Amino acid sequence: MDAISAGFVDGIGAAAATSGVLSQLQGRIFALLYLTPEQLSLDQIADELQQSKSNISVNIRGLVEWHLVRRVSVERSRKDHYEAATNFWLVMREIMERRFRWNLRQVLASAAETSRALETGSRPGSGAQAEKRAFINGRLEGMRAFFAIVDSSIGAFTQGQSVAPQEMQKVIQFAARQIVKRR
């Protein structure tokens, strides 16, 4: 691999390692395939990246699952070959839906569950207990509002719709209020 390609492969590998979606090696595999005009076999990928074929095989399955890489047939070869996806719209849509939006919904579900538990477990108590419940409710509502807006914005993005600027302004204003409260 030439120095320019190696720099790109290492850079994408580093970005992937911090993404929370891909491993460093998966990023390197994708980058190698992306800069290669022909499809590569597992053996070729392993040779280029100086990794074992089994390690490449395990990591490439994840890339196929995320639709970043696809398996292709090459005439007169019994080996599987791979090429990188080039439609980043589809790739980002998949990642946003399957990774980030799922996480947002987990946060929303946890906040809703805690709110329900707070309501059903609320007994008249001291003023301090009422204050604590009010504080927790306020925090949960703030979290719910923030993540609901982000969730709907990601939903619009993945459907190819524009994200309403006023919705994103609400997110920014909410974040700014939280920063001011901490000071």
Protein backbone atom coordinates (compact mmCIF):
# COMPACT_ATOMS: atom_id res chain seq x y z
CA MET A 1 0.00 0.00 0.00
CA ASP A 2 1.37 3.41 -0.90
CA ALA A 3 1.95 6.09 1.74
CA ILE A 4 -1.07 8.20 0.75
CA SER A 5 -3.45 5.25 0.95
CA ALA A 6 -1.85 4.08 4.20
CA GLY A 7 -2.41 7.50 5.76
CA PHE A 8 -6.08 7.45 4.77
CA VAL A 9 -6.52 3.87 6.00
CA ASP A 10 -4.97 4.72 9.36
CA GLY A 11 -6.98 7.95 9.66
CA ILE A 12 -10.30 6.25 8.98
CA GLY A 13 -9.29 3.48 11.38
CA ALA A 14 -8.67 6.04 14.12
CA ALA A 15 -12.01 7.75 13.41
CA ALA A 16 -13.83 4.41 13.50
CA ALA A 17 -12.23 3.51 16.84
CA THR A 18 -13.83 6.55 18.48
CA SER A 19 -17.18 6.26 16.69
CA GLY A 20 -18.81 3.78 19.03
CA VAL A 21 -20.02 1.97 15.92
CA LEU A 22 -16.95 0.35 14.35
CA SER A 23 -13.62 -0.97 15.54
CA GLN A 24 -10.34 0.47 14.33
CA LEU A 25 -9.74 -2.55 12.11
CA GLN A 26 -13.20 -2.26 10.59
CA GLY A 27 -12.45 1.35 9.73
CA ARG A 28 -9.16 0.34 8.16
CA ILE A 29 -10.83 -2.42 6.11
CA PHE A 30 -13.50 -0.03 4.87
CA ALA A 31 -10.91 2.63 3.95
CA LEU A 32 -8.76 0.12 2.08
CA LEU A 33 -11.74 -1.12 0.07
CA TYR A 34 -12.95 2.43 -0.54
CA LEU A 35 -9.64 3.46 -2.16
CA THR A 36 -9.28 0.24 -4.16
CA PRO A 37 -10.87 0.21 -7.63
CA GLU A 38 -11.27 -3.57 -7.76
CA GLN A 39 -12.94 -5.94 -5.31
CA LEU A 40 -10.59 -7.64 -2.87
CA SER A 41 -10.63 -11.13 -1.36
CA LEU A 42 -10.12 -11.79 2.34
CA ASP A 43 -6.57 -12.93 1.57
CA GLN A 44 -5.79 -9.69 -0.26
CA ILE A 45 -7.25 -7.55 2.52
CA ALA A 46 -5.32 -9.51 5.15
CA ASP A 47 -2.08 -9.08 3.19
CA GLU A 48 -2.57 -5.35 2.68
CA LEU A 49 -3.43 -4.69 6.33
CA GLN A 50 -0.95 -7.25 7.71
CA GLN A 51 -3.66 -9.06 9.68
CA SER A 52 -4.74 -12.68 9.89
CA LYS A 53 -7.40 -13.82 7.45
CA SER A 54 -9.60 -14.95 10.35
CA ASN A 55 -9.39 -11.51 11.99
CA ILE A 56 -10.36 -9.85 8.70
CA SER A 57 -13.22 -12.33 8.23
CA VAL A 58 -14.68 -11.61 11.67
CA ASN A 59 -14.44 -7.83 11.22
CA ILE A 60 -15.75 -7.76 7.69
CA ARG A 61 -19.00 -9.44 8.81
CA GLY A 62 -19.74 -6.40 10.94
CA LEU A 63 -19.08 -4.11 7.99
CA VAL A 64 -21.44 -6.14 5.83
CA GLU A 65 -24.07 -5.94 8.58
CA TRP A 66 -23.76 -2.14 8.70
CA HIS A 67 -23.99 -2.03 4.87
CA LEU A 68 -20.57 -0.39 4.64
CA VAL A 69 -19.15 -3.28 2.65
CA ARG A 70 -20.82 -5.76 0.34
CA ARG A 71 -19.79 -9.20 -0.77
CA VAL A 72 -19.49 -9.61 -4.54
CA SER A 73 -18.80 -12.48 -6.87
CA VAL A 74 -15.80 -12.28 -9.12
CA GLU A 75 -15.83 -14.29 -12.32
CA ARG A 76 -13.58 -17.38 -12.25
CA SER A 77 -12.99 -17.16 -8.52
CA ARG A 78 -14.47 -19.30 -5.80
CA LYS A 79 -13.44 -16.80 -3.13
CA ASP A 80 -15.70 -14.11 -1.77
CA HIS A 81 -14.61 -10.62 -2.69
CA TYR A 82 -15.65 -7.34 -1.12
CA GLU A 83 -16.14 -3.73 -2.09
CA ALA A 84 -16.92 -0.60 -0.09
CA ALA A 85 -20.27 1.10 -0.18
CA THR A 86 -20.22 4.52 -1.79
CA ASN A 87 -23.77 5.69 -1.03
CA PHE A 88 -23.12 7.50 2.23
CA TRP A 89 -26.73 8.61 2.53
CA LEU A 90 -27.85 4.99 2.93
CA VAL A 91 -24.95 4.17 5.24
CA MET A 92 -25.58 7.14 7.55
CA ARG A 93 -29.30 6.48 7.56
CA GLU A 94 -28.65 2.93 8.71
CA ILE A 95 -26.23 4.03 11.42
CA MET A 96 -28.51 6.82 12.65
CA GLU A 97 -31.52 4.52 12.87
CA ARG A 98 -29.85 1.44 14.27
CA ARG A 99 -27.36 3.01 16.61
CA PHE A 100 -28.13 6.53 17.70
CA ARG A 101 -31.89 6.54 17.51
CA TRP A 102 -32.09 3.23 19.39
CA ASN A 103 -29.93 4.73 22.16
CA LEU A 104 -32.12 7.84 22.32
CA ARG A 105 -35.20 5.70 22.69
CA GLN A 106 -33.56 3.79 25.53
CA VAL A 107 -33.02 7.09 27.34
CA LEU A 108 -36.63 8.15 26.70
CA ALA A 109 -37.96 4.80 27.95
CA SER A 110 -35.83 5.01 31.10
CA ALA A 111 -37.05 8.55 31.83
CA ALA A 112 -40.69 7.50 31.29
CA GLU A 113 -40.28 4.45 33.53
CA THR A 114 -38.74 6.55 36.28
CA SER A 115 -41.56 9.12 35.98
CA ARG A 116 -44.17 6.34 36.32
CA ALA A 117 -42.36 4.88 39.31
CA LEU A 118 -42.21 8.30 40.91
CA GLU A 119 -45.96 8.82 40.41
CA THR A 120 -47.01 5.40 41.70
CA GLY A 121 -44.57 5.48 44.59
CA SER A 122 -45.52 8.97 45.69
CA ARG A 123 -46.94 9.12 49.16
CA PRO A 124 -47.65 12.32 50.96
CA GLY A 125 -44.51 12.99 52.89
CA SER A 126 -42.41 15.73 54.26
CA GLY A 127 -41.71 18.93 52.39
CA ALA A 128 -38.21 17.66 51.65
CA GLN A 129 -39.61 14.55 49.94
CA ALA A 130 -42.02 16.63 47.86
CA GLU A 131 -39.16 18.93 46.86
CA LYS A 132 -37.04 15.96 45.85
CA ARG A 133 -39.88 14.49 43.74
CA ALA A 134 -40.43 17.89 42.08
CA PHE A 135 -36.71 18.19 41.38
CA ILE A 136 -36.54 14.70 39.86
CA ASN A 137 -39.67 15.33 37.77
CA GLY A 138 -38.16 18.55 36.46
CA ARG A 139 -34.93 16.83 35.51
CA LEU A 140 -36.77 13.94 33.84
CA GLU A 141 -38.97 16.34 31.88
CA GLY A 142 -35.94 18.30 30.72
CA MET A 143 -34.23 15.12 29.57
CA ARG A 144 -37.37 13.85 27.87
CA ALA A 145 -37.93 17.12 26.01
CA PHE A 146 -34.33 17.30 24.83
CA PHE A 147 -34.09 13.70 23.61
CA ALA A 148 -37.57 13.75 22.04
CA ILE A 149 -36.52 16.70 19.88
CA VAL A 150 -33.26 15.01 18.89
CA ASP A 151 -35.13 11.77 18.16
CA SER A 152 -37.65 13.49 15.90
CA SER A 153 -34.84 15.37 14.13
CA ILE A 154 -32.97 12.13 13.44
CA GLY A 155 -36.24 10.61 12.23
CA ALA A 156 -36.70 13.49 9.79
CA PHE A 157 -33.09 13.16 8.62
CA THR A 158 -33.36 9.42 7.99
CA GLN A 159 -36.57 9.94 6.02
CA GLY A 160 -34.90 12.55 3.81
CA GLN A 161 -36.96 15.35 5.27
CA SER A 162 -35.61 18.67 6.36
CA VAL A 163 -35.00 19.17 10.04
CA ALA A 164 -36.97 22.15 11.22
CA PRO A 165 -34.51 24.82 12.36
CA GLN A 166 -36.83 25.85 15.20
CA GLU A 167 -36.65 22.30 16.59
CA MET A 168 -32.86 22.39 16.65
CA GLN A 169 -32.99 25.87 18.19
CA LYS A 170 -35.03 24.35 21.03
CA VAL A 171 -32.25 21.83 21.61
CA ILE A 172 -29.63 24.57 21.64
CA GLN A 173 -31.70 26.79 23.95
CA PHE A 174 -32.30 23.88 26.31
CA ALA A 175 -28.59 23.10 26.45
CA ALA A 176 -27.77 26.77 27.07
CA ARG A 177 -30.23 26.93 29.98
CA GLN A 178 -28.61 23.86 31.53
CA ILE A 179 -25.18 25.44 31.30
CA VAL A 180 -26.39 28.65 32.93
CA LYS A 181 -28.05 26.68 35.76
CA ARG A 182 -24.76 24.95 36.58
CA ARG A 183 -22.85 28.23 37.01
